[in-house]
C-alpha cells in the first residue's frame, strides 16, 4: 500500500475529527459563535445548548486544548469560558458558518421534504 492510500480496515481520523468529535461539539461551537461577546460557565452553556452538564464537561477540555475556547476568568471555583476570537482558525470557522447559513437561506427548497409540502391555493 502506498503512502497516499488509506487502509479500509482502519478508521480514518483527520484533523477535523479531533475538533468536531461529536454533534455536541457542533452545538457548543454554534453557541459560542452566536455569543462571542461574553464568557460563560459550563452550567450556562449546558442550559443554553440544552446539553447535559456531563456532556459539556466532557467536550470543553478538547475545545480548550485546540485553543478554540479559553478560560477567561474564575468566579469562585467555576471556570468561565470564552471563544478565542484571536485564533485565525476561529475566524475561518465564523466565515464557514456564515457561508453555510447563507446557502440554507438561498436554497431552502433543497432542505424540504417534498411529501410534507402543502399547496396553498
PDB file of N, CA and C in Angstrom:
ATOM      1  N   UNK A   1       0.855  -1.172   0.000  1.00  0.00           N
ATOM      2  CA  UNK A   1       0.000   0.000   0.000  1.00  0.00           C
ATOM      3  C   UNK A   1       0.907   1.243   0.000  1.00  0.00           C
ATOM      4  N   UNK A   2       0.546   2.222  -0.842  1.00  0.00           N
ATOM      5  CA  UNK A   2       1.356   3.435  -0.925  1.00  0.00           C
ATOM      6  C   UNK A   2       0.980   4.392   0.204  1.00  0.00           C
ATOM      7  N   UNK A   3       1.765   5.432   0.361  1.00  0.00           N
ATOM      8  CA  UNK A   3       1.545   6.409   1.425  1.00  0.00           C
ATOM      9  C   UNK A   3       0.250   7.190   1.223  1.00  0.00           C
ATOM     10  N   UNK A   4      -0.234   7.281  -0.035  1.00  0.00           N
ATOM     11  CA  UNK A   4      -1.445   8.049  -0.327  1.00  0.00           C
ATOM     12  C   UNK A   4      -2.727   7.243  -0.151  1.00  0.00           C
ATOM     13  N   UNK A   5      -2.609   5.935   0.046  1.00  0.00           N
ATOM     14  CA  UNK A   5      -3.783   5.086   0.191  1.00  0.00           C
ATOM     15  C   UNK A   5      -4.158   4.941   1.659  1.00  0.00           C
ATOM     16  N   UNK A   6      -5.447   4.750   1.898  1.00  0.00           N
ATOM     17  CA  UNK A   6      -5.950   4.549   3.258  1.00  0.00           C
ATOM     18  C   UNK A   6      -6.403   3.109   3.378  1.00  0.00           C
ATOM     19  N   UNK A   7      -5.957   2.432   4.405  1.00  0.00           N
ATOM     20  CA  UNK A   7      -6.360   1.056   4.654  1.00  0.00           C
ATOM     21  C   UNK A   7      -7.835   1.041   5.042  1.00  0.00           C
ATOM     22  N   UNK A   8      -8.639   0.308   4.277  1.00  0.00           N
ATOM     23  CA  UNK A   8     -10.085   0.259   4.530  1.00  0.00           C
ATOM     24  C   UNK A   8     -10.411  -0.380   5.875  1.00  0.00           C
ATOM     25  N   UNK A   9      -9.490  -1.121   6.444  1.00  0.00           N
ATOM     26  CA  UNK A   9      -9.736  -1.795   7.713  1.00  0.00           C
ATOM     27  C   UNK A   9      -9.514  -0.918   8.923  1.00  0.00           C
ATOM     28  N   UNK A  10      -8.910   0.242   8.745  1.00  0.00           N
ATOM     29  CA  UNK A  10      -8.671   1.132   9.882  1.00  0.00           C
ATOM     30  C   UNK A  10      -9.579   2.345   9.795  1.00  0.00           C
ATOM     31  N   UNK A  11      -9.921   2.885  10.941  1.00  0.00           N
ATOM     32  CA  UNK A  11     -10.736   4.095  10.972  1.00  0.00           C
ATOM     33  C   UNK A  11      -9.864   5.280  10.606  1.00  0.00           C
ATOM     34  N   UNK A  12     -10.380   6.136   9.755  1.00  0.00           N
ATOM     35  CA  UNK A  12      -9.657   7.340   9.363  1.00  0.00           C
ATOM     36  C   UNK A  12     -10.062   8.479  10.283  1.00  0.00           C
ATOM     37  N   UNK A  13      -9.090   9.134  10.850  1.00  0.00           N
ATOM     38  CA  UNK A  13      -9.356  10.301  11.688  1.00  0.00           C
ATOM     39  C   UNK A  13      -8.491  11.450  11.219  1.00  0.00           C
ATOM     40  N   UNK A  14      -9.113  12.410  10.577  1.00  0.00           N
ATOM     41  CA  UNK A  14      -8.410  13.600  10.138  1.00  0.00           C
ATOM     42  C   UNK A  14      -8.403  14.648  11.233  1.00  0.00           C
ATOM     43  N   UNK A  15      -7.830  15.771  10.942  1.00  0.00           N
ATOM     44  CA  UNK A  15      -7.690  16.838  11.935  1.00  0.00           C
ATOM     45  C   UNK A  15      -9.054  17.370  12.377  1.00  0.00           C
ATOM     46  N   UNK A  16     -10.025  17.448  11.476  1.00  0.00           N
ATOM     47  CA  UNK A  16     -11.336  17.971  11.858  1.00  0.00           C
ATOM     48  C   UNK A  16     -12.065  17.047  12.821  1.00  0.00           C
ATOM     49  N   UNK A  17     -11.816  15.749  12.725  1.00  0.00           N
ATOM     50  CA  UNK A  17     -12.478  14.831  13.657  1.00  0.00           C
ATOM     51  C   UNK A  17     -11.947  14.999  15.076  1.00  0.00           C
ATOM     52  N   UNK A  18     -10.753  15.572  15.214  1.00  0.00           N
ATOM     53  CA  UNK A  18     -10.248  15.829  16.565  1.00  0.00           C
ATOM     54  C   UNK A  18     -10.937  17.035  17.188  1.00  0.00           C
ATOM     55  N   UNK A  19     -11.432  17.944  16.361  1.00  0.00           N
ATOM     56  CA  UNK A  19     -12.153  19.115  16.859  1.00  0.00           C
ATOM     57  C   UNK A  19     -13.652  18.830  16.934  1.00  0.00           C
ATOM     58  N   UNK A  20     -14.211  18.301  15.850  1.00  0.00           N
ATOM     59  CA  UNK A  20     -15.643  18.013  15.777  1.00  0.00           C
ATOM     60  C   UNK A  20     -15.878  16.554  16.144  1.00  0.00           C
ATOM     61  N   UNK A  21     -15.602  16.227  17.389  1.00  0.00           N
ATOM     62  CA  UNK A  21     -15.663  14.840  17.834  1.00  0.00           C
ATOM     63  C   UNK A  21     -17.089  14.330  18.028  1.00  0.00           C
ATOM     64  N   UNK A  22     -18.051  15.230  18.102  1.00  0.00           N
ATOM     65  CA  UNK A  22     -19.441  14.820  18.300  1.00  0.00           C
ATOM     66  C   UNK A  22     -20.375  15.947  17.883  1.00  0.00           C
ATOM     67  N   UNK A  23     -21.643  15.608  17.799  1.00  0.00           N
ATOM     68  CA  UNK A  23     -22.646  16.630  17.495  1.00  0.00           C
ATOM     69  C   UNK A  23     -22.696  17.674  18.612  1.00  0.00           C
ATOM     70  N   UNK A  24     -22.433  17.245  19.819  1.00  0.00           N
ATOM     71  CA  UNK A  24     -22.429  18.171  20.955  1.00  0.00           C
ATOM     72  C   UNK A  24     -21.395  19.274  20.752  1.00  0.00           C
ATOM     73  N   UNK A  25     -20.240  18.928  20.205  1.00  0.00           N
ATOM     74  CA  UNK A  25     -19.204  19.935  19.948  1.00  0.00           C
ATOM     75  C   UNK A  25     -19.733  20.970  18.968  1.00  0.00           C
ATOM     76  N   UNK A  26     -20.437  20.523  17.944  1.00  0.00           N
ATOM     77  CA  UNK A  26     -21.011  21.463  16.978  1.00  0.00           C
ATOM     78  C   UNK A  26     -21.996  22.406  17.655  1.00  0.00           C
ATOM     79  N   UNK A  27     -22.818  21.876  18.554  1.00  0.00           N
ATOM     80  CA  UNK A  27     -23.777  22.716  19.274  1.00  0.00           C
ATOM     81  C   UNK A  27     -23.060  23.728  20.165  1.00  0.00           C
ATOM     82  N   UNK A  28     -22.016  23.295  20.823  1.00  0.00           N
ATOM     83  CA  UNK A  28     -21.247  24.199  21.689  1.00  0.00           C
ATOM     84  C   UNK A  28     -20.582  25.284  20.844  1.00  0.00           C
ATOM     85  N   UNK A  29     -20.000  24.898  19.719  1.00  0.00           N
ATOM     86  CA  UNK A  29     -19.367  25.882  18.832  1.00  0.00           C
ATOM     87  C   UNK A  29     -20.392  26.865  18.284  1.00  0.00           C
ATOM     88  N   UNK A  30     -21.551  26.363  17.873  1.00  0.00           N
ATOM     89  CA  UNK A  30     -22.617  27.259  17.410  1.00  0.00           C
ATOM     90  C   UNK A  30     -22.969  28.274  18.493  1.00  0.00           C
ATOM     91  N   UNK A  31     -23.096  27.779  19.725  1.00  0.00           N
ATOM     92  CA  UNK A  31     -23.417  28.669  20.838  1.00  0.00           C
ATOM     93  C   UNK A  31     -22.352  29.760  20.986  1.00  0.00           C
ATOM     94  N   UNK A  32     -21.080  29.357  21.016  1.00  0.00           N
ATOM     95  CA  UNK A  32     -20.015  30.344  21.196  1.00  0.00           C
ATOM     96  C   UNK A  32     -19.921  31.312  20.016  1.00  0.00           C
ATOM     97  N   UNK A  33     -20.138  30.829  18.797  1.00  0.00           N
ATOM     98  CA  UNK A  33     -20.099  31.721  17.632  1.00  0.00           C
ATOM     99  C   UNK A  33     -21.225  32.750  17.687  1.00  0.00           C
ATOM    100  N   UNK A  34     -22.371  32.350  18.217  1.00  0.00           N
ATOM    101  CA  UNK A  34     -23.507  33.267  18.334  1.00  0.00           C
ATOM    102  C   UNK A  34     -23.415  34.179  19.558  1.00  0.00           C
ATOM    103  N   UNK A  35     -22.581  33.824  20.531  1.00  0.00           N
ATOM    104  CA  UNK A  35     -22.487  34.573  21.784  1.00  0.00           C
ATOM    105  C   UNK A  35     -21.021  34.839  22.145  1.00  0.00           C
ATOM    106  N   UNK A  36     -20.286  35.398  21.212  1.00  0.00           N
ATOM    107  CA  UNK A  36     -18.840  35.558  21.419  1.00  0.00           C
ATOM    108  C   UNK A  36     -18.456  36.780  22.247  1.00  0.00           C
ATOM    109  N   UNK A  37     -19.418  37.613  22.581  1.00  0.00           N
ATOM    110  CA  UNK A  37     -19.101  38.844  23.313  1.00  0.00           C
ATOM    111  C   UNK A  37     -18.793  38.613  24.790  1.00  0.00           C
ATOM    112  N   UNK A  38     -19.262  37.486  25.328  1.00  0.00           N
ATOM    113  CA  UNK A  38     -19.152  37.262  26.764  1.00  0.00           C
ATOM    114  C   UNK A  38     -18.509  35.916  27.064  1.00  0.00           C
ATOM    115  N   UNK A  39     -18.259  35.685  28.346  1.00  0.00           N
ATOM    116  CA  UNK A  39     -17.783  34.373  28.784  1.00  0.00           C
ATOM    117  C   UNK A  39     -18.912  33.671  29.536  1.00  0.00           C
ATOM    118  N   UNK A  40     -18.833  32.341  29.576  1.00  0.00           N
ATOM    119  CA  UNK A  40     -19.926  31.542  30.117  1.00  0.00           C
ATOM    120  C   UNK A  40     -19.409  30.407  30.978  1.00  0.00           C
ATOM    121  N   UNK A  41     -20.159  30.084  32.001  1.00  0.00           N
ATOM    122  CA  UNK A  41     -19.847  28.942  32.850  1.00  0.00           C
ATOM    123  C   UNK A  41     -20.347  27.666  32.168  1.00  0.00           C
ATOM    124  N   UNK A  42     -19.815  26.521  32.546  1.00  0.00           N
ATOM    125  CA  UNK A  42     -20.333  25.266  31.986  1.00  0.00           C
ATOM    126  C   UNK A  42     -21.844  25.113  32.197  1.00  0.00           C
ATOM    127  N   UNK A  43     -22.347  25.569  33.341  1.00  0.00           N
ATOM    128  CA  UNK A  43     -23.777  25.494  33.609  1.00  0.00           C
ATOM    129  C   UNK A  43     -24.595  26.326  32.636  1.00  0.00           C
ATOM    130  N   UNK A  44     -24.114  27.539  32.349  1.00  0.00           N
ATOM    131  CA  UNK A  44     -24.813  28.398  31.390  1.00  0.00           C
ATOM    132  C   UNK A  44     -24.783  27.793  29.989  1.00  0.00           C
ATOM    133  N   UNK A  45     -23.643  27.227  29.617  1.00  0.00           N
ATOM    134  CA  UNK A  45     -23.512  26.597  28.300  1.00  0.00           C
ATOM    135  C   UNK A  45     -24.484  25.422  28.190  1.00  0.00           C
ATOM    136  N   UNK A  46     -24.553  24.616  29.245  1.00  0.00           N
ATOM    137  CA  UNK A  46     -25.468  23.469  29.252  1.00  0.00           C
ATOM    138  C   UNK A  46     -26.917  23.935  29.105  1.00  0.00           C
ATOM    139  N   UNK A  47     -27.273  24.955  29.850  1.00  0.00           N
ATOM    140  CA  UNK A  47     -28.649  25.454  29.818  1.00  0.00           C
ATOM    141  C   UNK A  47     -29.002  26.012  28.437  1.00  0.00           C
ATOM    142  N   UNK A  48     -28.113  26.811  27.859  1.00  0.00           N
ATOM    143  CA  UNK A  48     -28.389  27.460  26.574  1.00  0.00           C
ATOM    144  C   UNK A  48     -28.379  26.468  25.411  1.00  0.00           C
ATOM    145  N   UNK A  49     -27.526  25.450  25.479  1.00  0.00           N
ATOM    146  CA  UNK A  49     -27.442  24.473  24.386  1.00  0.00           C
ATOM    147  C   UNK A  49     -28.377  23.292  24.582  1.00  0.00           C
ATOM    148  N   UNK A  50     -28.949  23.190  25.791  1.00  0.00           N
ATOM    149  CA  UNK A  50     -29.808  22.058  26.167  1.00  0.00           C
ATOM    150  C   UNK A  50     -29.041  20.734  26.147  1.00  0.00           C
ATOM    151  N   UNK A  51     -27.744  20.818  26.393  1.00  0.00           N
ATOM    152  CA  UNK A  51     -26.921  19.626  26.544  1.00  0.00           C
ATOM    153  C   UNK A  51     -26.749  19.366  28.032  1.00  0.00           C
ATOM    154  N   UNK A  52     -26.461  18.140  28.380  1.00  0.00           N
ATOM    155  CA  UNK A  52     -26.273  17.832  29.796  1.00  0.00           C
ATOM    156  C   UNK A  52     -24.975  18.452  30.303  1.00  0.00           C
ATOM    157  N   UNK A  53     -24.979  18.697  31.590  1.00  0.00           N
ATOM    158  CA  UNK A  53     -23.788  19.228  32.264  1.00  0.00           C
ATOM    159  C   UNK A  53     -22.614  18.281  32.034  1.00  0.00           C
ATOM    160  N   UNK A  54     -22.891  17.003  32.095  1.00  0.00           N
ATOM    161  CA  UNK A  54     -21.858  15.974  31.896  1.00  0.00           C
ATOM    162  C   UNK A  54     -21.247  16.066  30.489  1.00  0.00           C
ATOM    163  N   UNK A  55     -22.099  16.269  29.485  1.00  0.00           N
ATOM    164  CA  UNK A  55     -21.627  16.400  28.102  1.00  0.00           C
ATOM    165  C   UNK A  55     -20.743  17.629  27.953  1.00  0.00           C
ATOM    166  N   UNK A  56     -21.155  18.723  28.554  1.00  0.00           N
ATOM    167  CA  UNK A  56     -20.360  19.955  28.489  1.00  0.00           C
ATOM    168  C   UNK A  56     -18.981  19.718  29.093  1.00  0.00           C
ATOM    169  N   UNK A  57     -18.935  19.094  30.271  1.00  0.00           N
ATOM    170  CA  UNK A  57     -17.648  18.826  30.912  1.00  0.00           C
ATOM    171  C   UNK A  57     -16.796  17.838  30.118  1.00  0.00           C
ATOM    172  N   UNK A  58     -17.436  16.974  29.353  1.00  0.00           N
ATOM    173  CA  UNK A  58     -16.681  16.027  28.522  1.00  0.00           C
ATOM    174  C   UNK A  58     -16.053  16.730  27.316  1.00  0.00           C
ATOM    175  N   UNK A  59     -16.759  17.708  26.732  1.00  0.00           N
ATOM    176  CA  UNK A  59     -16.327  18.326  25.479  1.00  0.00           C
ATOM    177  C   UNK A  59     -15.460  19.576  25.638  1.00  0.00           C
ATOM    178  N   UNK A  60     -15.638  20.328  26.713  1.00  0.00           N
ATOM    179  CA  UNK A  60     -14.882  21.574  26.871  1.00  0.00           C
ATOM    180  C   UNK A  60     -13.360  21.388  26.866  1.00  0.00           C
ATOM    181  N   UNK A  61     -12.821  20.355  27.522  1.00  0.00           N
ATOM    182  CA  UNK A  61     -11.361  20.213  27.513  1.00  0.00           C
ATOM    183  C   UNK A  61     -10.760  20.079  26.110  1.00  0.00           C
ATOM    184  N   UNK A  62     -11.445  19.397  25.220  1.00  0.00           N
ATOM    185  CA  UNK A  62     -10.949  19.255  23.850  1.00  0.00           C
ATOM    186  C   UNK A  62     -10.952  20.597  23.121  1.00  0.00           C
ATOM    187  N   UNK A  63     -12.016  21.358  23.279  1.00  0.00           N
ATOM    188  CA  UNK A  63     -12.087  22.679  22.657  1.00  0.00           C
ATOM    189  C   UNK A  63     -11.028  23.611  23.235  1.00  0.00           C
ATOM    190  N   UNK A  64     -10.772  23.466  24.521  1.00  0.00           N
ATOM    191  CA  UNK A  64      -9.739  24.278  25.170  1.00  0.00           C
ATOM    192  C   UNK A  64      -8.347  23.848  24.689  1.00  0.00           C
ATOM    193  N   UNK A  65      -8.134  22.548  24.591  1.00  0.00           N
ATOM    194  CA  UNK A  65      -6.839  22.025  24.117  1.00  0.00           C
ATOM    195  C   UNK A  65      -6.535  22.520  22.704  1.00  0.00           C
ATOM    196  N   UNK A  66      -7.577  22.591  21.865  1.00  0.00           N
ATOM    197  CA  UNK A  66      -7.418  23.074  20.491  1.00  0.00           C
ATOM    198  C   UNK A  66      -7.447  24.599  20.398  1.00  0.00           C
ATOM    199  N   UNK A  67      -7.491  25.276  21.539  1.00  0.00           N
ATOM    200  CA  UNK A  67      -7.433  26.731  21.673  1.00  0.00           C
ATOM    201  C   UNK A  67      -8.616  27.455  21.031  1.00  0.00           C
ATOM    202  N   UNK A  68      -9.721  26.741  20.818  1.00  0.00           N
ATOM    203  CA  UNK A  68     -10.907  27.368  20.249  1.00  0.00           C
ATOM    204  C   UNK A  68     -11.629  28.178  21.316  1.00  0.00           C
ATOM    205  N   UNK A  69     -11.597  27.693  22.540  1.00  0.00           N
ATOM    206  CA  UNK A  69     -12.105  28.448  23.685  1.00  0.00           C
ATOM    207  C   UNK A  69     -10.990  28.536  24.713  1.00  0.00           C
ATOM    208  N   UNK A  70     -11.153  29.418  25.659  1.00  0.00           N
ATOM    209  CA  UNK A  70     -10.175  29.532  26.741  1.00  0.00           C
ATOM    210  C   UNK A  70     -10.882  29.946  28.026  1.00  0.00           C
ATOM    211  N   UNK A  71     -10.215  29.693  29.131  1.00  0.00           N
ATOM    212  CA  UNK A  71     -10.751  30.127  30.424  1.00  0.00           C
ATOM    213  C   UNK A  71     -10.403  31.603  30.568  1.00  0.00           C
ATOM    214  N   UNK A  72     -11.420  32.435  30.595  1.00  0.00           N
ATOM    215  CA  UNK A  72     -11.198  33.879  30.657  1.00  0.00           C
ATOM    216  C   UNK A  72     -11.045  34.380  32.091  1.00  0.00           C
ATOM    217  N   UNK A  73     -11.685  33.675  33.042  1.00  0.00           N
ATOM    218  CA  UNK A  73     -11.595  34.053  34.452  1.00  0.00           C
ATOM    219  C   UNK A  73     -12.251  32.961  35.279  1.00  0.00           C
ATOM    220  N   UNK A  74     -12.148  33.115  36.595  1.00  0.00           N
ATOM    221  CA  UNK A  74     -12.805  32.202  37.526  1.00  0.00           C
ATOM    222  C   UNK A  74     -13.729  33.010  38.410  1.00  0.00           C
ATOM    223  N   UNK A  75     -14.889  32.436  38.674  1.00  0.00           N
ATOM    224  CA  UNK A  75     -15.790  33.019  39.658  1.00  0.00           C
ATOM    225  C   UNK A  75     -15.927  31.953  40.730  1.00  0.00           C
ATOM    226  N   UNK A  76     -15.282  32.183  41.865  1.00  0.00           N
ATOM    227  CA  UNK A  76     -15.197  31.147  42.885  1.00  0.00           C
ATOM    228  C   UNK A  76     -14.387  29.990  42.337  1.00  0.00           C
ATOM    229  N   UNK A  77     -14.980  28.809  42.282  1.00  0.00           N
ATOM    230  CA  UNK A  77     -14.309  27.640  41.708  1.00  0.00           C
ATOM    231  C   UNK A  77     -14.728  27.373  40.266  1.00  0.00           C
ATOM    232  N   UNK A  78     -15.607  28.212  39.737  1.00  0.00           N
ATOM    233  CA  UNK A  78     -16.162  27.987  38.404  1.00  0.00           C
ATOM    234  C   UNK A  78     -15.344  28.684  37.329  1.00  0.00           C
ATOM    235  N   UNK A  79     -14.905  27.914  36.329  1.00  0.00           N
ATOM    236  CA  UNK A  79     -14.222  28.484  35.172  1.00  0.00           C
ATOM    237  C   UNK A  79     -15.237  29.114  34.235  1.00  0.00           C
ATOM    238  N   UNK A  80     -14.882  30.254  33.695  1.00  0.00           N
ATOM    239  CA  UNK A  80     -15.703  30.935  32.704  1.00  0.00           C
ATOM    240  C   UNK A  80     -14.983  30.811  31.369  1.00  0.00           C
ATOM    241  N   UNK A  81     -15.716  30.372  30.343  1.00  0.00           N
ATOM    242  CA  UNK A  81     -15.129  30.096  29.038  1.00  0.00           C
ATOM    243  C   UNK A  81     -15.570  31.128  28.019  1.00  0.00           C
ATOM    244  N   UNK A  82     -14.653  31.403  27.093  1.00  0.00           N
ATOM    245  CA  UNK A  82     -14.915  32.386  26.048  1.00  0.00           C
ATOM    246  C   UNK A  82     -14.329  31.885  24.735  1.00  0.00           C
ATOM    247  N   UNK A  83     -14.958  32.268  23.624  1.00  0.00           N
ATOM    248  CA  UNK A  83     -14.455  31.925  22.305  1.00  0.00           C
ATOM    249  C   UNK A  83     -13.145  32.669  22.055  1.00  0.00           C
ATOM    250  N   UNK A  84     -12.158  31.987  21.517  1.00  0.00           N
ATOM    251  CA  UNK A  84     -10.851  32.586  21.237  1.00  0.00           C
ATOM    252  C   UNK A  84     -10.886  33.265  19.865  1.00  0.00           C
ATOM    253  N   UNK A  85     -11.403  34.484  19.824  1.00  0.00           N
ATOM    254  CA  UNK A  85     -11.534  35.204  18.562  1.00  0.00           C
ATOM    255  C   UNK A  85     -10.193  35.674  18.009  1.00  0.00           C
ATOM    256  N   UNK A  86      -9.113  35.539  18.792  1.00  0.00           N
ATOM    257  CA  UNK A  86      -7.785  35.895  18.301  1.00  0.00           C
ATOM    258  C   UNK A  86      -7.182  34.787  17.443  1.00  0.00           C
ATOM    259  N   UNK A  87      -7.749  33.593  17.531  1.00  0.00           N
ATOM    260  CA  UNK A  87      -7.247  32.455  16.756  1.00  0.00           C
ATOM    261  C   UNK A  87      -7.789  32.544  15.333  1.00  0.00           C
ATOM    262  N   UNK A  88      -6.898  32.498  14.349  1.00  0.00           N
ATOM    263  CA  UNK A  88      -7.310  32.623  12.956  1.00  0.00           C
ATOM    264  C   UNK A  88      -8.277  31.498  12.550  1.00  0.00           C
ATOM    265  N   UNK A  89      -8.093  30.315  13.093  1.00  0.00           N
ATOM    266  CA  UNK A  89      -8.984  29.199  12.784  1.00  0.00           C
ATOM    267  C   UNK A  89     -10.423  29.511  13.206  1.00  0.00           C
ATOM    268  N   UNK A  90     -10.598  30.237  14.309  1.00  0.00           N
ATOM    269  CA  UNK A  90     -11.941  30.622  14.761  1.00  0.00           C
ATOM    270  C   UNK A  90     -12.543  31.620  13.774  1.00  0.00           C
ATOM    271  N   UNK A  91     -11.740  32.528  13.260  1.00  0.00           N
ATOM    272  CA  UNK A  91     -12.208  33.476  12.249  1.00  0.00           C
ATOM    273  C   UNK A  91     -12.686  32.727  11.009  1.00  0.00           C
ATOM    274  N   UNK A  92     -11.914  31.731  10.586  1.00  0.00           N
ATOM    275  CA  UNK A  92     -12.309  30.916   9.440  1.00  0.00           C
ATOM    276  C   UNK A  92     -13.588  30.132   9.742  1.00  0.00           C
ATOM    277  N   UNK A  93     -13.697  29.633  10.951  1.00  0.00           N
ATOM    278  CA  UNK A  93     -14.886  28.891  11.366  1.00  0.00           C
ATOM    279  C   UNK A  93     -16.122  29.795  11.335  1.00  0.00           C
ATOM    280  N   UNK A  94     -15.972  31.034  11.776  1.00  0.00           N
ATOM    281  CA  UNK A  94     -17.073  32.001  11.716  1.00  0.00           C
ATOM    282  C   UNK A  94     -17.507  32.232  10.271  1.00  0.00           C
ATOM    283  N   UNK A  95     -16.536  32.416   9.385  1.00  0.00           N
ATOM    284  CA  UNK A  95     -16.838  32.639   7.972  1.00  0.00           C
ATOM    285  C   UNK A  95     -17.506  31.412   7.364  1.00  0.00           C
ATOM    286  N   UNK A  96     -17.022  30.239   7.713  1.00  0.00           N
ATOM    287  CA  UNK A  96     -17.595  28.994   7.219  1.00  0.00           C
ATOM    288  C   UNK A  96     -19.053  28.868   7.664  1.00  0.00           C
ATOM    289  N   UNK A  97     -19.312  29.103   8.933  1.00  0.00           N
ATOM    290  CA  UNK A  97     -20.679  29.011   9.470  1.00  0.00           C
ATOM    291  C   UNK A  97     -21.591  30.018   8.778  1.00  0.00           C
ATOM    292  N   UNK A  98     -21.082  31.219   8.543  1.00  0.00           N
ATOM    293  CA  UNK A  98     -21.871  32.245   7.861  1.00  0.00           C
ATOM    294  C   UNK A  98     -22.204  31.817   6.433  1.00  0.00           C
ATOM    295  N   UNK A  99     -21.202  31.323   5.711  1.00  0.00           N
ATOM    296  CA  UNK A  99     -21.422  30.891   4.322  1.00  0.00           C
ATOM    297  C   UNK A  99     -22.441  29.759   4.248  1.00  0.00           C
ATOM    298  N   UNK A 100     -22.344  28.794   5.140  1.00  0.00           N
ATOM    299  CA  UNK A 100     -23.296  27.689   5.161  1.00  0.00           C
ATOM    300  C   UNK A 100     -24.707  28.202   5.459  1.00  0.00           C
ATOM    301  N   UNK A 101     -24.812  29.145   6.391  1.00  0.00           N
ATOM    302  CA  UNK A 101     -26.136  29.693   6.712  1.00  0.00           C
ATOM    303  C   UNK A 101     -26.725  30.433   5.513  1.00  0.00           C
ATOM    304  N   UNK A 102     -25.887  31.095   4.732  1.00  0.00           N
ATOM    305  CA  UNK A 102     -26.366  31.799   3.542  1.00  0.00           C
ATOM    306  C   UNK A 102     -26.854  30.827   2.481  1.00  0.00           C
ATOM    307  N   UNK A 103     -26.184  29.694   2.338  1.00  0.00           N
ATOM    308  CA  UNK A 103     -26.628  28.673   1.384  1.00  0.00           C
ATOM    309  C   UNK A 103     -28.001  28.145   1.765  1.00  0.00           C
ATOM    310  N   UNK A 104     -28.230  27.951   3.048  1.00  0.00           N
ATOM    311  CA  UNK A 104     -29.515  27.436   3.513  1.00  0.00           C
ATOM    312  C   UNK A 104     -30.622  28.456   3.313  1.00  0.00           C
ATOM    313  N   UNK A 105     -30.308  29.734   3.396  1.00  0.00           N
ATOM    314  CA  UNK A 105     -31.296  30.789   3.181  1.00  0.00           C
ATOM    315  C   UNK A 105     -31.642  30.898   1.701  1.00  0.00           C
ATOM    316  N   UNK A 106     -30.625  30.828   0.827  1.00  0.00           N
ATOM    317  CA  UNK A 106     -30.834  30.994  -0.608  1.00  0.00           C
ATOM    318  C   UNK A 106     -31.600  29.842  -1.237  1.00  0.00           C
ATOM    319  N   UNK A 107     -31.380  28.623  -0.741  1.00  0.00           N
ATOM    320  CA  UNK A 107     -31.998  27.457  -1.354  1.00  0.00           C
ATOM    321  C   UNK A 107     -32.738  26.598  -0.330  1.00  0.00           C
ATOM    322  N   UNK A 108     -33.757  27.163   0.331  1.00  0.00           N
ATOM    323  CA  UNK A 108     -34.462  26.385   1.358  1.00  0.00           C
ATOM    324  C   UNK A 108     -35.215  25.188   0.792  1.00  0.00           C
ATOM    325  N   UNK A 109     -35.604  25.247  -0.476  1.00  0.00           N
ATOM    326  CA  UNK A 109     -36.371  24.144  -1.068  1.00  0.00           C
ATOM    327  C   UNK A 109     -35.562  22.853  -1.085  1.00  0.00           C
ATOM    328  N   UNK A 110     -34.257  22.941  -1.118  1.00  0.00           N
ATOM    329  CA  UNK A 110     -33.422  21.741  -1.126  1.00  0.00           C
ATOM    330  C   UNK A 110     -33.534  20.971   0.176  1.00  0.00           C
ATOM    331  N   UNK A 111     -33.929  21.640   1.243  1.00  0.00           N
ATOM    332  CA  UNK A 111     -33.949  21.026   2.557  1.00  0.00           C
ATOM    333  C   UNK A 111     -35.352  20.599   2.994  1.00  0.00           C
ATOM    334  N   UNK A 112     -36.341  20.840   2.147  1.00  0.00           N
ATOM    335  CA  UNK A 112     -37.712  20.494   2.499  1.00  0.00           C
ATOM    336  C   UNK A 112     -38.048  19.098   2.012  1.00  0.00           C
ATOM    337  N   UNK A 113     -38.859  18.403   2.759  1.00  0.00           N
ATOM    338  CA  UNK A 113     -39.373  17.096   2.364  1.00  0.00           C
ATOM    339  C   UNK A 113     -40.577  17.361   1.465  1.00  0.00           C
ATOM    340  N   UNK A 114     -40.445  17.067   0.185  1.00  0.00           N
ATOM    341  CA  UNK A 114     -41.476  17.405  -0.787  1.00  0.00           C
ATOM    342  C   UNK A 114     -42.821  16.754  -0.485  1.00  0.00           C
ATOM    343  N   UNK A 115     -42.838  15.625   0.211  1.00  0.00           N
ATOM    344  CA  UNK A 115     -44.088  14.955   0.543  1.00  0.00           C
ATOM    345  C   UNK A 115     -44.867  15.707   1.623  1.00  0.00           C
ATOM    346  N   UNK A 116     -44.170  16.510   2.403  1.00  0.00           N
ATOM    347  CA  UNK A 116     -44.820  17.220   3.503  1.00  0.00           C
ATOM    348  C   UNK A 116     -45.213  18.647   3.144  1.00  0.00           C
ATOM    349  N   UNK A 117     -44.954  19.049   1.900  1.00  0.00           N
ATOM    350  CA  UNK A 117     -45.290  20.390   1.474  1.00  0.00           C
ATOM    351  C   UNK A 117     -46.781  20.438   1.132  1.00  0.00           C
ATOM    352  N   UNK A 118     -47.456  21.414   1.678  1.00  0.00           N
ATOM    353  CA  UNK A 118     -48.886  21.592   1.442  1.00  0.00           C
ATOM    354  C   UNK A 118     -49.048  22.718   0.447  1.00  0.00           C
ATOM    355  N   UNK A 119     -49.836  22.465  -0.598  1.00  0.00           N
ATOM    356  CA  UNK A 119     -50.086  23.510  -1.586  1.00  0.00           C
ATOM    357  C   UNK A 119     -51.050  24.545  -1.016  1.00  0.00           C
ATOM    358  N   UNK A 120     -50.744  25.785  -1.258  1.00  0.00           N
ATOM    359  CA  UNK A 120     -51.622  26.873  -0.834  1.00  0.00           C
ATOM    360  C   UNK A 120     -52.356  27.359  -2.072  1.00  0.00           C
ATOM    361  N   UNK A 121     -53.687  27.342  -2.014  1.00  0.00           N
ATOM    362  CA  UNK A 121     -54.488  27.760  -3.177  1.00  0.00           C
ATOM    363  C   UNK A 121     -55.244  29.019  -2.880  1.00  0.00           C
TER     364      UNK A 121
END
